[in-house]
Amino acid sequence: MAKDGTNRGGARPGAGRKKKPLAEKLLEGNPGKRPLKVTEFYGRGCAATLPESGELKPPDFLKIASKETAENYPTADQIYLQVSEWLKGTGCAHLVSPTLIEDFAINRRAFFECEYMSKRLGRITGGKRSPYVDMAATYAGLMRVAWDRIWNIVAQNTERNYGAGNADDAMEKLLTGGKV
């Protein structure tokens, strides 16, 4: 605590050396011979995880029809299923909260809707920038935050090497329907 009574200084959140992903630790061996830590979640809200096997069913609220239908863009429930299937393939589906996937799917769909409206109405209307351009940028940022959180969970807990440079490629392949 400082002399003026304010609480400042000390360690900053996120400061220091980043943890190595589990795949890198396995490749390099375990020089300290300590047991490797795989994240496990216990306690409140842990029942809300994706099933490892069986049929995935997106929540009903993701099926809500949007005001403007963009036929060529996936719906929120389709995006949810794509990400869920990808997570099952990584073996980390039980570690990612479905709420995080829902956030990503909703923001991705909202981004698509804004892009659709921008293309339909134009990016500049009446001498001013369309509000859909700003909304698309906001949704893209929110979508990226959700994706980064999902990606960090996968990178830290899978034995397959998803290096730091592959996050954008995996997201692009996932959303364009390609194999990851």
Protein backbone atom coordinates (compact mmCIF):
# COMPACT_ATOMS: atom_id res chain seq x y z
CA MET A 1 0.00 0.00 0.00
CA ALA A 2 1.27 3.45 -0.88
CA LYS A 3 1.64 6.35 1.58
CA ASP A 4 -1.53 7.99 0.28
CA GLY A 5 -3.57 4.90 1.20
CA THR A 6 -4.10 3.56 -2.30
CA ASN A 7 -3.36 -0.02 -3.16
CA ARG A 8 -1.01 -0.07 -6.14
CA GLY A 9 2.13 -1.78 -7.27
CA GLY A 10 2.90 -5.45 -7.08
CA ALA A 11 2.62 -8.17 -9.68
CA ARG A 12 0.59 -7.40 -12.77
CA PRO A 13 -1.95 -9.87 -14.13
CA GLY A 14 -0.49 -11.75 -17.07
CA ALA A 15 3.07 -10.70 -16.28
CA GLY A 16 5.88 -13.18 -16.40
CA ARG A 17 6.77 -16.12 -18.55
CA LYS A 18 3.87 -17.85 -20.29
CA LYS A 19 3.15 -21.50 -19.58
CA LYS A 20 4.25 -24.00 -22.19
CA PRO A 21 1.47 -25.96 -23.88
CA LEU A 22 1.12 -29.59 -22.87
CA ALA A 23 2.19 -30.79 -26.34
CA GLU A 24 5.51 -28.94 -26.08
CA LYS A 25 6.16 -30.39 -22.64
CA LEU A 26 5.56 -33.88 -24.00
CA LEU A 27 7.89 -33.32 -26.96
CA GLU A 28 10.72 -31.94 -24.83
CA GLY A 29 10.32 -34.56 -22.17
CA ASN A 30 9.88 -33.84 -18.50
CA PRO A 31 13.30 -32.87 -17.13
CA GLY A 32 12.03 -32.14 -13.62
CA LYS A 33 10.05 -35.41 -13.58
CA ARG A 34 7.09 -33.58 -12.10
CA PRO A 35 3.66 -34.86 -13.13
CA LEU A 36 2.25 -32.93 -16.08
CA LYS A 37 -0.82 -30.93 -15.20
CA VAL A 38 -3.96 -31.25 -17.29
CA THR A 39 -6.65 -28.78 -16.31
CA GLU A 40 -9.59 -30.31 -14.49
CA PHE A 41 -12.64 -28.38 -13.40
CA TYR A 42 -14.41 -29.13 -10.15
CA GLY A 43 -17.18 -27.50 -8.21
CA ARG A 44 -19.91 -25.18 -9.30
CA GLY A 45 -21.05 -25.34 -12.92
CA CYS A 46 -18.88 -28.29 -13.92
CA ALA A 47 -21.84 -30.33 -15.08
CA ALA A 48 -22.26 -27.87 -17.95
CA THR A 49 -19.63 -29.29 -20.27
CA LEU A 50 -19.86 -30.77 -23.73
CA PRO A 51 -20.48 -34.50 -23.91
CA GLU A 52 -17.52 -36.51 -25.19
CA SER A 53 -19.78 -38.88 -27.10
CA GLY A 54 -23.31 -38.88 -28.36
CA GLU A 55 -25.33 -36.30 -30.21
CA LEU A 56 -24.59 -32.62 -29.69
CA LYS A 57 -27.63 -30.42 -29.38
CA PRO A 58 -27.25 -26.65 -29.47
CA PRO A 59 -29.37 -24.62 -27.06
CA ASP A 60 -32.79 -23.58 -28.37
CA PHE A 61 -32.06 -19.85 -28.13
CA LEU A 62 -29.39 -20.19 -30.84
CA LYS A 63 -32.09 -21.15 -33.34
CA ILE A 64 -33.86 -17.82 -33.07
CA ALA A 65 -34.41 -16.41 -36.55
CA SER A 66 -32.65 -13.17 -37.28
CA LYS A 67 -34.43 -10.10 -38.61
CA GLU A 68 -32.56 -10.18 -41.90
CA THR A 69 -31.81 -13.61 -43.25
CA ALA A 70 -28.46 -14.03 -44.92
CA GLU A 71 -28.83 -17.31 -46.79
CA ASN A 72 -25.16 -17.94 -47.50
CA TYR A 73 -24.03 -17.49 -43.90
CA PRO A 74 -24.21 -20.19 -41.22
CA THR A 75 -26.67 -19.81 -38.37
CA ALA A 76 -25.58 -19.61 -34.73
CA ASP A 77 -26.59 -23.21 -34.05
CA GLN A 78 -24.57 -24.40 -37.07
CA ILE A 79 -21.52 -22.49 -35.82
CA TYR A 80 -22.04 -24.00 -32.35
CA LEU A 81 -22.09 -27.51 -33.84
CA GLN A 82 -18.97 -26.85 -35.97
CA VAL A 83 -16.94 -25.64 -33.00
CA SER A 84 -18.26 -28.45 -30.77
CA GLU A 85 -17.32 -31.11 -33.31
CA TRP A 86 -13.85 -29.60 -33.66
CA LEU A 87 -13.44 -29.59 -29.87
CA LYS A 88 -14.46 -33.25 -29.70
CA GLY A 89 -11.74 -34.01 -32.24
CA THR A 90 -9.11 -32.29 -30.09
CA GLY A 91 -10.15 -34.24 -27.00
CA CYS A 92 -10.72 -31.03 -25.04
CA ALA A 93 -14.51 -30.82 -25.33
CA HIS A 94 -14.97 -31.61 -21.65
CA LEU A 95 -12.75 -28.67 -20.66
CA VAL A 96 -14.57 -25.92 -22.58
CA SER A 97 -17.74 -24.46 -21.16
CA PRO A 98 -20.68 -24.52 -23.59
CA THR A 99 -21.35 -20.91 -22.61
CA LEU A 100 -18.05 -19.92 -24.19
CA ILE A 101 -19.00 -21.68 -27.42
CA GLU A 102 -22.43 -20.02 -27.33
CA ASP A 103 -20.78 -16.60 -26.97
CA PHE A 104 -18.57 -17.31 -29.96
CA ALA A 105 -21.49 -18.57 -32.09
CA ILE A 106 -23.76 -15.63 -31.25
CA ASN A 107 -21.07 -13.03 -31.95
CA ARG A 108 -20.03 -14.78 -35.18
CA ARG A 109 -23.63 -14.82 -36.41
CA ALA A 110 -24.11 -11.16 -35.44
CA PHE A 111 -20.93 -10.31 -37.35
CA PHE A 112 -22.30 -12.10 -40.42
CA GLU A 113 -25.59 -10.20 -40.15
CA CYS A 114 -23.77 -6.86 -39.98
CA GLU A 115 -21.65 -7.78 -42.98
CA TYR A 116 -24.77 -8.82 -44.89
CA MET A 117 -26.47 -5.52 -44.13
CA SER A 118 -23.32 -3.56 -45.04
CA LYS A 119 -23.19 -5.27 -48.42
CA ARG A 120 -26.92 -4.78 -48.96
CA LEU A 121 -27.14 -1.12 -47.92
CA GLY A 122 -23.59 0.03 -48.58
CA ARG A 123 -20.78 0.93 -46.23
CA ILE A 124 -21.34 4.64 -46.71
CA THR A 125 -24.88 6.01 -46.64
CA GLY A 126 -25.78 9.67 -46.81
CA GLY A 127 -22.16 10.76 -46.62
CA LYS A 128 -21.60 8.92 -43.34
CA ARG A 129 -20.25 5.53 -42.47
CA SER A 130 -22.95 2.92 -41.98
CA PRO A 131 -23.56 1.91 -38.34
CA TYR A 132 -23.31 -1.72 -39.45
CA VAL A 133 -19.59 -1.23 -40.08
CA ASP A 134 -18.99 -0.22 -36.44
CA MET A 135 -21.23 -3.00 -35.15
CA ALA A 136 -19.36 -5.56 -37.27
CA ALA A 137 -16.05 -4.41 -35.80
CA THR A 138 -17.46 -4.71 -32.27
CA TYR A 139 -18.79 -8.22 -32.90
CA ALA A 140 -15.50 -9.24 -34.54
CA GLY A 141 -13.62 -8.17 -31.41
CA LEU A 142 -15.99 -10.04 -29.09
CA MET A 143 -15.82 -13.09 -31.32
CA ARG A 144 -12.02 -12.98 -31.27
CA VAL A 145 -11.94 -12.81 -27.45
CA ALA A 146 -14.17 -15.89 -27.18
CA TRP A 147 -12.12 -17.76 -29.80
CA ASP A 148 -8.84 -16.91 -28.04
CA ARG A 149 -10.18 -18.31 -24.77
CA ILE A 150 -11.27 -21.53 -26.51
CA TRP A 151 -7.94 -21.75 -28.32
CA ASN A 152 -5.91 -21.28 -25.12
CA ILE A 153 -7.77 -24.14 -23.43
CA VAL A 154 -7.09 -26.42 -26.39
CA ALA A 155 -3.43 -25.38 -26.77
CA GLN A 156 -2.71 -25.88 -23.06
CA ASN A 157 -4.43 -29.25 -22.71
CA THR A 158 -4.05 -31.28 -25.87
CA GLU A 159 -1.27 -33.65 -26.80
CA ARG A 160 -1.47 -32.63 -30.47
CA ASN A 161 0.78 -29.70 -31.29
CA TYR A 162 -1.38 -26.69 -32.06
CA GLY A 163 1.45 -24.15 -32.11
CA ALA A 164 0.78 -20.48 -31.49
CA GLY A 165 0.87 -19.69 -35.21
CA ASN A 166 -1.88 -22.18 -36.06
CA ALA A 167 -4.77 -20.48 -34.22
CA ASP A 168 -5.79 -18.30 -37.15
CA ASP A 169 -5.43 -21.13 -39.66
CA ALA A 170 -7.53 -23.48 -37.53
CA MET A 171 -10.24 -20.85 -37.10
CA GLU A 172 -10.29 -20.13 -40.84
CA LYS A 173 -10.53 -23.82 -41.75
CA LEU A 174 -13.18 -24.41 -39.11
CA LEU A 175 -15.39 -21.59 -40.31
CA THR A 176 -14.97 -22.29 -44.03
CA GLY A 177 -15.84 -25.96 -43.61
CA GLY A 178 -12.33 -27.33 -44.18
CA LYS A 179 -10.65 -30.02 -42.14
CA VAL A 180 -8.43 -28.87 -39.29
